[in-house]
């Protein structure tokens, strides 16, 4: 394992970034997924969640409920609804906010 300087990350390390109040962008292994920004269990902020890039999973930092980022299915932890997830298409820009009032239809 190669040491990574403080404040930097490895290129293959998963990234979770808040893109709107309601959505986070999860980037891992060349894949991008938009997911609900809060856990459906108790509202834990998923931008602080732990991402398993090999299995494509995210774990809520609040009560450790784990979700599949491909389907949104809850895999372990407290019983709750599935996580809302959407694959980002190649070339799709998800960092710019929607300029239309009220967002996209």
C-alpha atoms as a PDB file:
ATOM      1  CA  UNK A   1       0.000   0.000   0.000  1.00  0.00           C
ATOM      2  CA  UNK A   2       1.336   3.416  -0.971  1.00  0.00           C
ATOM      3  CA  UNK A   3       1.257   6.251   1.550  1.00  0.00           C
ATOM      4  CA  UNK A   4      -0.942   9.198   0.581  1.00  0.00           C
ATOM      5  CA  UNK A   5       0.037  12.685   1.808  1.00  0.00           C
ATOM      6  CA  UNK A   6      -2.338  14.345   4.285  1.00  0.00           C
ATOM      7  CA  UNK A   7      -5.052  16.326   2.486  1.00  0.00           C
ATOM      8  CA  UNK A   8      -4.780  14.244  -0.698  1.00  0.00           C
ATOM      9  CA  UNK A   9      -6.486  11.080  -1.815  1.00  0.00           C
ATOM     10  CA  UNK A  10      -5.520   8.159  -4.001  1.00  0.00           C
ATOM     11  CA  UNK A  11      -6.940   8.237  -7.530  1.00  0.00           C
ATOM     12  CA  UNK A  12      -8.923   5.039  -6.918  1.00  0.00           C
ATOM     13  CA  UNK A  13     -10.382   6.198  -3.588  1.00  0.00           C
ATOM     14  CA  UNK A  14     -14.193   6.684  -3.625  1.00  0.00           C
ATOM     15  CA  UNK A  15     -15.470  10.260  -3.452  1.00  0.00           C
ATOM     16  CA  UNK A  16     -18.805  11.443  -2.052  1.00  0.00           C
ATOM     17  CA  UNK A  17     -19.733  15.012  -2.908  1.00  0.00           C
ATOM     18  CA  UNK A  18     -22.883  17.004  -2.091  1.00  0.00           C
ATOM     19  CA  UNK A  19     -24.292  18.358  -5.398  1.00  0.00           C
ATOM     20  CA  UNK A  20     -27.670  19.656  -4.200  1.00  0.00           C
ATOM     21  CA  UNK A  21     -29.468  19.800  -0.885  1.00  0.00           C
ATOM     22  CA  UNK A  22     -31.144  16.485  -1.734  1.00  0.00           C
ATOM     23  CA  UNK A  23     -28.414  14.615  -3.661  1.00  0.00           C
ATOM     24  CA  UNK A  24     -24.852  13.368  -3.286  1.00  0.00           C
ATOM     25  CA  UNK A  25     -22.622  12.200  -6.121  1.00  0.00           C
ATOM     26  CA  UNK A  26     -20.686   9.019  -5.401  1.00  0.00           C
ATOM     27  CA  UNK A  27     -17.695   8.387  -7.675  1.00  0.00           C
ATOM     28  CA  UNK A  28     -15.904   5.064  -7.450  1.00  0.00           C
ATOM     29  CA  UNK A  29     -14.139   2.776  -9.882  1.00  0.00           C
ATOM     30  CA  UNK A  30     -14.987   4.931 -12.885  1.00  0.00           C
ATOM     31  CA  UNK A  31     -18.680   4.858 -12.009  1.00  0.00           C
ATOM     32  CA  UNK A  32     -20.824   7.798 -10.902  1.00  0.00           C
ATOM     33  CA  UNK A  33     -24.065   7.413  -8.968  1.00  0.00           C
ATOM     34  CA  UNK A  34     -26.440  10.073  -7.689  1.00  0.00           C
ATOM     35  CA  UNK A  35     -28.000   9.101  -4.372  1.00  0.00           C
ATOM     36  CA  UNK A  36     -30.316  10.693  -1.851  1.00  0.00           C
ATOM     37  CA  UNK A  37     -28.279  12.942   0.447  1.00  0.00           C
ATOM     38  CA  UNK A  38     -29.860  11.556   3.608  1.00  0.00           C
ATOM     39  CA  UNK A  39     -30.357   8.022   4.850  1.00  0.00           C
ATOM     40  CA  UNK A  40     -34.020   6.929   4.765  1.00  0.00           C
ATOM     41  CA  UNK A  41     -33.659   5.445   8.274  1.00  0.00           C
ATOM     42  CA  UNK A  42     -32.994   8.508  10.438  1.00  0.00           C
ATOM     43  CA  UNK A  43     -31.674  11.166   8.079  1.00  0.00           C
ATOM     44  CA  UNK A  44     -27.932  10.565   8.462  1.00  0.00           C
ATOM     45  CA  UNK A  45     -25.925  12.724   6.049  1.00  0.00           C
ATOM     46  CA  UNK A  46     -24.517  10.361   3.443  1.00  0.00           C
ATOM     47  CA  UNK A  47     -21.818  12.787   2.311  1.00  0.00           C
ATOM     48  CA  UNK A  48     -20.050  11.513   5.442  1.00  0.00           C
ATOM     49  CA  UNK A  49     -20.860   7.874   4.666  1.00  0.00           C
ATOM     50  CA  UNK A  50     -18.306   5.128   4.087  1.00  0.00           C
ATOM     51  CA  UNK A  51     -18.170   3.881   0.499  1.00  0.00           C
ATOM     52  CA  UNK A  52     -17.042   0.367  -0.391  1.00  0.00           C
ATOM     53  CA  UNK A  53     -16.002   0.877  -4.005  1.00  0.00           C
ATOM     54  CA  UNK A  54     -15.334  -2.806  -4.624  1.00  0.00           C
ATOM     55  CA  UNK A  55     -18.880  -3.821  -3.685  1.00  0.00           C
ATOM     56  CA  UNK A  56     -20.552  -0.533  -4.707  1.00  0.00           C
ATOM     57  CA  UNK A  57     -22.071   0.119  -1.283  1.00  0.00           C
ATOM     58  CA  UNK A  58     -22.491   3.096   1.015  1.00  0.00           C
ATOM     59  CA  UNK A  59     -22.869   2.934   4.806  1.00  0.00           C
ATOM     60  CA  UNK A  60     -24.631   5.660   6.760  1.00  0.00           C
ATOM     61  CA  UNK A  61     -22.394   7.233   9.412  1.00  0.00           C
ATOM     62  CA  UNK A  62     -25.272   7.568  11.888  1.00  0.00           C
ATOM     63  CA  UNK A  63     -26.543   4.023  12.477  1.00  0.00           C
ATOM     64  CA  UNK A  64     -24.396   2.069   9.970  1.00  0.00           C
ATOM     65  CA  UNK A  65     -27.184   1.025   7.619  1.00  0.00           C
ATOM     66  CA  UNK A  66     -25.633  -0.164   4.341  1.00  0.00           C
ATOM     67  CA  UNK A  67     -27.153   0.311   0.881  1.00  0.00           C
ATOM     68  CA  UNK A  68     -26.342  -1.089  -2.559  1.00  0.00           C
ATOM     69  CA  UNK A  69     -25.479   1.853  -4.832  1.00  0.00           C
ATOM     70  CA  UNK A  70     -26.646  -0.011  -7.941  1.00  0.00           C
ATOM     71  CA  UNK A  71     -30.186  -0.726  -6.723  1.00  0.00           C
ATOM     72  CA  UNK A  72     -30.639   1.336  -3.546  1.00  0.00           C
ATOM     73  CA  UNK A  73     -31.555  -1.842  -1.666  1.00  0.00           C
ATOM     74  CA  UNK A  74     -30.849  -1.890   2.097  1.00  0.00           C
ATOM     75  CA  UNK A  75     -28.316  -4.656   2.696  1.00  0.00           C
ATOM     76  CA  UNK A  76     -27.796  -4.437   6.446  1.00  0.00           C
ATOM     77  CA  UNK A  77     -28.617  -2.311   9.438  1.00  0.00           C
ATOM     78  CA  UNK A  78     -31.837  -0.759  10.645  1.00  0.00           C
ATOM     79  CA  UNK A  79     -35.021  -1.521   8.718  1.00  0.00           C
ATOM     80  CA  UNK A  80     -35.975   1.313   6.378  1.00  0.00           C
ATOM     81  CA  UNK A  81     -36.937   2.141   2.810  1.00  0.00           C
ATOM     82  CA  UNK A  82     -34.497   1.713  -0.055  1.00  0.00           C
ATOM     83  CA  UNK A  83     -32.081   4.518  -0.883  1.00  0.00           C
ATOM     84  CA  UNK A  84     -32.979   6.518  -3.988  1.00  0.00           C
ATOM     85  CA  UNK A  85     -30.143   6.075  -6.531  1.00  0.00           C
ATOM     86  CA  UNK A  86     -29.594   6.954 -10.208  1.00  0.00           C
ATOM     87  CA  UNK A  87     -26.619   6.063 -12.414  1.00  0.00           C
ATOM     88  CA  UNK A  88     -25.002   9.082 -14.046  1.00  0.00           C
ATOM     89  CA  UNK A  89     -24.641   8.755 -17.803  1.00  0.00           C
ATOM     90  CA  UNK A  90     -21.163   9.213 -19.328  1.00  0.00           C
ATOM     91  CA  UNK A  91     -20.619  12.879 -20.131  1.00  0.00           C
ATOM     92  CA  UNK A  92     -23.564  14.010 -17.990  1.00  0.00           C
ATOM     93  CA  UNK A  93     -22.690  17.084 -15.897  1.00  0.00           C
ATOM     94  CA  UNK A  94     -24.123  16.744 -12.406  1.00  0.00           C
ATOM     95  CA  UNK A  95     -22.031  19.436 -10.734  1.00  0.00           C
ATOM     96  CA  UNK A  96     -23.947  22.402 -12.163  1.00  0.00           C
ATOM     97  CA  UNK A  97     -27.293  23.190 -10.520  1.00  0.00           C
ATOM     98  CA  UNK A  98     -30.397  23.091 -12.729  1.00  0.00           C
ATOM     99  CA  UNK A  99     -31.038  26.728 -13.806  1.00  0.00           C
ATOM    100  CA  UNK A 100     -34.798  26.245 -14.317  1.00  0.00           C
ATOM    101  CA  UNK A 101     -37.108  27.330 -11.491  1.00  0.00           C
ATOM    102  CA  UNK A 102     -38.133  24.331  -9.436  1.00  0.00           C
ATOM    103  CA  UNK A 103     -35.540  22.051 -11.073  1.00  0.00           C
ATOM    104  CA  UNK A 104     -36.006  19.526 -13.827  1.00  0.00           C
ATOM    105  CA  UNK A 105     -39.499  18.119 -14.498  1.00  0.00           C
END
